[in-house]
Amino acid sequence: MFCCGFEKKEESDIALSISYGSSDKYELGIINFDFSDYFQKTVSDNFINELIQLLIEDEAILNVAAVSPELEDKILDMDYDYIIGWSTYLSNKDILPLLPPTVIIRKNTGHGIWFTFNSNETVCNVVKAAELLGEKGLLNI
């Protein structure tokens, strides 16, 4: 595992961490954007969508998920390799028939599915979708 740490010099609305690990079976890199509480309340859906669109242009990307603090606690406890968020990209296209009918398909690329949960969905419904995909083995490498 390779990870670089930098001393935080001042407060910021966005913290970025990048880590890269490998094993004989697979190589994974993680890019994590943490937004301050203030920024999370002021950031637009359009900003998040543009960020995801930029990230999924690379065919090597396996999973991108935008999660709120409330959702993050529940999703990370599930201990799958991939996570589901309010807006999610997964490189496994087998998930498509298992997604709830309320999700909005943003993009069906040649290598994955980008979908967003409807804004009136509850955290509970997103967690149920993650549980279903996880039980089918679609959230593991």
C-alpha atoms as a PDB file:
ATOM      1  CA  MET A   1       0.000   0.000   0.000  1.00  0.00           C
ATOM      2  CA  PHE A   2       1.289   3.426  -0.907  1.00  0.00           C
ATOM      3  CA  CYS A   3      -0.094   6.511   0.757  1.00  0.00           C
ATOM      4  CA  CYS A   4       1.196  10.025   1.099  1.00  0.00           C
ATOM      5  CA  GLY A   5       0.146  12.224   3.959  1.00  0.00           C
ATOM      6  CA  PHE A   6       0.412  15.983   4.025  1.00  0.00           C
ATOM      7  CA  GLU A   7       0.128  18.219   7.026  1.00  0.00           C
ATOM      8  CA  LYS A   8      -3.019  20.296   6.922  1.00  0.00           C
ATOM      9  CA  LYS A   9      -1.967  23.935   6.823  1.00  0.00           C
ATOM     10  CA  GLU A  10      -5.351  25.694   6.999  1.00  0.00           C
ATOM     11  CA  GLU A  11      -9.067  25.043   6.982  1.00  0.00           C
ATOM     12  CA  SER A  12     -10.587  24.192   3.629  1.00  0.00           C
ATOM     13  CA  ASP A  13     -14.003  23.248   2.276  1.00  0.00           C
ATOM     14  CA  ILE A  14     -12.567  20.278   0.377  1.00  0.00           C
ATOM     15  CA  ALA A  15     -10.046  17.704   1.576  1.00  0.00           C
ATOM     16  CA  LEU A  16      -8.574  15.300  -0.952  1.00  0.00           C
ATOM     17  CA  SER A  17      -6.914  11.999  -0.133  1.00  0.00           C
ATOM     18  CA  ILE A  18      -5.453   9.590  -2.663  1.00  0.00           C
ATOM     19  CA  SER A  19      -4.254   6.090  -1.877  1.00  0.00           C
ATOM     20  CA  TYR A  20      -3.117   3.247  -4.053  1.00  0.00           C
ATOM     21  CA  GLY A  21      -2.836  -0.382  -3.060  1.00  0.00           C
ATOM     22  CA  SER A  22      -2.169  -3.597  -4.897  1.00  0.00           C
ATOM     23  CA  SER A  23      -2.153  -7.336  -4.469  1.00  0.00           C
ATOM     24  CA  ASP A  24      -1.662 -10.311  -6.735  1.00  0.00           C
ATOM     25  CA  LYS A  25      -5.385 -10.360  -7.494  1.00  0.00           C
ATOM     26  CA  TYR A  26      -6.116  -6.694  -8.247  1.00  0.00           C
ATOM     27  CA  GLU A  27      -4.916  -3.162  -7.943  1.00  0.00           C
ATOM     28  CA  LEU A  28      -7.105  -0.470  -6.444  1.00  0.00           C
ATOM     29  CA  GLY A  29      -6.682   3.223  -6.085  1.00  0.00           C
ATOM     30  CA  ILE A  30      -8.981   5.377  -4.019  1.00  0.00           C
ATOM     31  CA  ILE A  31      -9.617   9.080  -4.448  1.00  0.00           C
ATOM     32  CA  ASN A  32     -11.675  10.512  -1.635  1.00  0.00           C
ATOM     33  CA  PHE A  33     -13.139  14.027  -1.577  1.00  0.00           C
ATOM     34  CA  ASP A  34     -14.389  15.141   1.835  1.00  0.00           C
ATOM     35  CA  PHE A  35     -16.488  18.285   1.880  1.00  0.00           C
ATOM     36  CA  SER A  36     -16.929  20.466   4.948  1.00  0.00           C
ATOM     37  CA  ASP A  37     -20.399  20.559   6.506  1.00  0.00           C
ATOM     38  CA  TYR A  38     -20.867  24.062   5.122  1.00  0.00           C
ATOM     39  CA  PHE A  39     -19.777  23.082   1.615  1.00  0.00           C
ATOM     40  CA  GLN A  40     -22.044  20.010   1.638  1.00  0.00           C
ATOM     41  CA  LYS A  41     -25.014  22.264   2.285  1.00  0.00           C
ATOM     42  CA  THR A  42     -24.094  24.741  -0.443  1.00  0.00           C
ATOM     43  CA  VAL A  43     -22.728  22.501  -3.203  1.00  0.00           C
ATOM     44  CA  SER A  44     -25.095  21.956  -6.105  1.00  0.00           C
ATOM     45  CA  ASP A  45     -26.113  18.636  -7.624  1.00  0.00           C
ATOM     46  CA  ASN A  46     -24.682  19.996 -10.862  1.00  0.00           C
ATOM     47  CA  PHE A  47     -21.214  20.320  -9.269  1.00  0.00           C
ATOM     48  CA  ILE A  48     -21.336  16.707  -8.024  1.00  0.00           C
ATOM     49  CA  ASN A  49     -22.573  15.467 -11.404  1.00  0.00           C
ATOM     50  CA  GLU A  50     -19.802  17.309 -13.259  1.00  0.00           C
ATOM     51  CA  LEU A  51     -17.205  15.830 -10.907  1.00  0.00           C
ATOM     52  CA  ILE A  52     -18.538  12.301 -11.434  1.00  0.00           C
ATOM     53  CA  GLN A  53     -18.739  12.837 -15.204  1.00  0.00           C
ATOM     54  CA  LEU A  54     -15.078  13.851 -15.211  1.00  0.00           C
ATOM     55  CA  LEU A  55     -14.002  10.846 -13.141  1.00  0.00           C
ATOM     56  CA  ILE A  56     -15.859   8.201 -15.169  1.00  0.00           C
ATOM     57  CA  GLU A  57     -14.303   9.286 -18.448  1.00  0.00           C
ATOM     58  CA  ASP A  58     -11.422   6.993 -17.467  1.00  0.00           C
ATOM     59  CA  GLU A  59     -12.336   3.377 -18.270  1.00  0.00           C
ATOM     60  CA  ALA A  60     -10.170   2.165 -15.374  1.00  0.00           C
ATOM     61  CA  ILE A  61     -12.576   3.642 -12.812  1.00  0.00           C
ATOM     62  CA  LEU A  62     -14.528   0.904 -11.026  1.00  0.00           C
ATOM     63  CA  ASN A  63     -16.699   2.815  -8.557  1.00  0.00           C
ATOM     64  CA  VAL A  64     -17.597   6.427  -7.784  1.00  0.00           C
ATOM     65  CA  ALA A  65     -20.158   7.318  -5.131  1.00  0.00           C
ATOM     66  CA  ALA A  66     -21.385  10.595  -3.671  1.00  0.00           C
ATOM     67  CA  VAL A  67     -22.566  10.015  -0.110  1.00  0.00           C
ATOM     68  CA  SER A  68     -23.833  12.239   2.660  1.00  0.00           C
ATOM     69  CA  PRO A  69     -22.480  11.801   6.207  1.00  0.00           C
ATOM     70  CA  GLU A  70     -25.773  10.174   7.227  1.00  0.00           C
ATOM     71  CA  LEU A  71     -25.603   7.659   4.377  1.00  0.00           C
ATOM     72  CA  GLU A  72     -21.852   7.075   4.687  1.00  0.00           C
ATOM     73  CA  ASP A  73     -22.180   5.619   8.201  1.00  0.00           C
ATOM     74  CA  LYS A  74     -24.685   3.011   7.046  1.00  0.00           C
ATOM     75  CA  ILE A  75     -23.053   2.152   3.714  1.00  0.00           C
ATOM     76  CA  LEU A  76     -19.487   1.762   5.003  1.00  0.00           C
ATOM     77  CA  ASP A  77     -20.693  -0.585   7.753  1.00  0.00           C
ATOM     78  CA  MET A  78     -21.751  -3.033   5.011  1.00  0.00           C
ATOM     79  CA  ASP A  79     -18.098  -3.795   4.226  1.00  0.00           C
ATOM     80  CA  TYR A  80     -18.380  -4.295   0.474  1.00  0.00           C
ATOM     81  CA  ASP A  81     -15.568  -3.440  -1.929  1.00  0.00           C
ATOM     82  CA  TYR A  82     -17.785  -0.936  -3.789  1.00  0.00           C
ATOM     83  CA  ILE A  83     -20.246   1.501  -2.281  1.00  0.00           C
ATOM     84  CA  ILE A  84     -23.571   2.944  -3.359  1.00  0.00           C
ATOM     85  CA  GLY A  85     -24.361   6.607  -2.805  1.00  0.00           C
ATOM     86  CA  TRP A  86     -26.900   9.217  -3.825  1.00  0.00           C
ATOM     87  CA  SER A  87     -25.096   9.337  -7.148  1.00  0.00           C
ATOM     88  CA  THR A  88     -23.110   6.229  -8.108  1.00  0.00           C
ATOM     89  CA  TYR A  89     -21.024   4.824 -10.931  1.00  0.00           C
ATOM     90  CA  LEU A  90     -20.288   1.082 -11.027  1.00  0.00           C
ATOM     91  CA  SER A  91     -18.274  -0.678 -13.696  1.00  0.00           C
ATOM     92  CA  ASN A  92     -20.472  -3.780 -13.338  1.00  0.00           C
ATOM     93  CA  LYS A  93     -23.352  -3.430 -15.823  1.00  0.00           C
ATOM     94  CA  ASP A  94     -25.090  -6.511 -14.333  1.00  0.00           C
ATOM     95  CA  ILE A  95     -26.586  -4.206 -11.712  1.00  0.00           C
ATOM     96  CA  LEU A  96     -28.970  -2.540 -14.179  1.00  0.00           C
ATOM     97  CA  PRO A  97     -31.961  -4.926 -13.844  1.00  0.00           C
ATOM     98  CA  LEU A  98     -31.640  -4.893 -10.041  1.00  0.00           C
ATOM     99  CA  LEU A  99     -31.807  -1.133  -9.564  1.00  0.00           C
ATOM    100  CA  PRO A 100     -35.030   0.262  -8.075  1.00  0.00           C
ATOM    101  CA  PRO A 101     -37.398   1.813 -10.631  1.00  0.00           C
ATOM    102  CA  THR A 102     -37.001   5.216  -8.978  1.00  0.00           C
ATOM    103  CA  VAL A 103     -33.324   5.632  -9.935  1.00  0.00           C
ATOM    104  CA  ILE A 104     -32.360   7.907 -12.788  1.00  0.00           C
ATOM    105  CA  ILE A 105     -29.885   6.389 -15.233  1.00  0.00           C
ATOM    106  CA  ARG A 106     -27.446   9.214 -15.968  1.00  0.00           C
ATOM    107  CA  LYS A 107     -25.197   7.314 -18.333  1.00  0.00           C
ATOM    108  CA  ASN A 108     -24.785   3.760 -19.588  1.00  0.00           C
ATOM    109  CA  THR A 109     -21.174   3.768 -20.780  1.00  0.00           C
ATOM    110  CA  GLY A 110     -19.563   0.901 -22.585  1.00  0.00           C
ATOM    111  CA  HIS A 111     -17.985  -0.136 -19.291  1.00  0.00           C
ATOM    112  CA  GLY A 112     -20.454   0.785 -16.534  1.00  0.00           C
ATOM    113  CA  ILE A 113     -23.627   2.415 -15.231  1.00  0.00           C
ATOM    114  CA  TRP A 114     -23.948   5.868 -13.625  1.00  0.00           C
ATOM    115  CA  PHE A 115     -27.191   6.310 -11.720  1.00  0.00           C
ATOM    116  CA  THR A 116     -28.709   8.746  -9.261  1.00  0.00           C
ATOM    117  CA  PHE A 117     -31.383   8.190  -6.670  1.00  0.00           C
ATOM    118  CA  ASN A 118     -34.423  10.418  -6.890  1.00  0.00           C
ATOM    119  CA  SER A 119     -34.180  13.363  -4.490  1.00  0.00           C
ATOM    120  CA  ASN A 120     -37.199  12.139  -2.484  1.00  0.00           C
ATOM    121  CA  GLU A 121     -35.587   8.768  -1.748  1.00  0.00           C
ATOM    122  CA  THR A 122     -34.754   8.078   1.873  1.00  0.00           C
ATOM    123  CA  VAL A 123     -31.443   6.861   3.248  1.00  0.00           C
ATOM    124  CA  CYS A 124     -33.257   3.605   4.066  1.00  0.00           C
ATOM    125  CA  ASN A 125     -34.141   3.019   0.392  1.00  0.00           C
ATOM    126  CA  VAL A 126     -30.566   3.628  -0.757  1.00  0.00           C
ATOM    127  CA  VAL A 127     -29.318   1.197   1.903  1.00  0.00           C
ATOM    128  CA  LYS A 128     -31.886  -1.416   0.752  1.00  0.00           C
ATOM    129  CA  ALA A 129     -30.621  -1.096  -2.822  1.00  0.00           C
ATOM    130  CA  ALA A 130     -27.030  -1.531  -1.620  1.00  0.00           C
ATOM    131  CA  GLU A 131     -28.029  -4.596   0.417  1.00  0.00           C
ATOM    132  CA  LEU A 132     -29.721  -6.173  -2.611  1.00  0.00           C
ATOM    133  CA  LEU A 133     -26.721  -5.569  -4.884  1.00  0.00           C
ATOM    134  CA  GLY A 134     -24.364  -6.771  -2.151  1.00  0.00           C
ATOM    135  CA  GLU A 135     -26.331  -9.982  -1.557  1.00  0.00           C
ATOM    136  CA  LYS A 136     -26.062 -10.728  -5.289  1.00  0.00           C
ATOM    137  CA  GLY A 137     -22.275 -10.283  -5.066  1.00  0.00           C
ATOM    138  CA  LEU A 138     -22.292  -7.222  -7.332  1.00  0.00           C
ATOM    139  CA  LEU A 139     -20.487  -4.916  -4.888  1.00  0.00           C
ATOM    140  CA  ASN A 140     -17.385  -7.068  -4.480  1.00  0.00           C
ATOM    141  CA  ILE A 141     -14.311  -7.301  -6.653  1.00  0.00           C
END
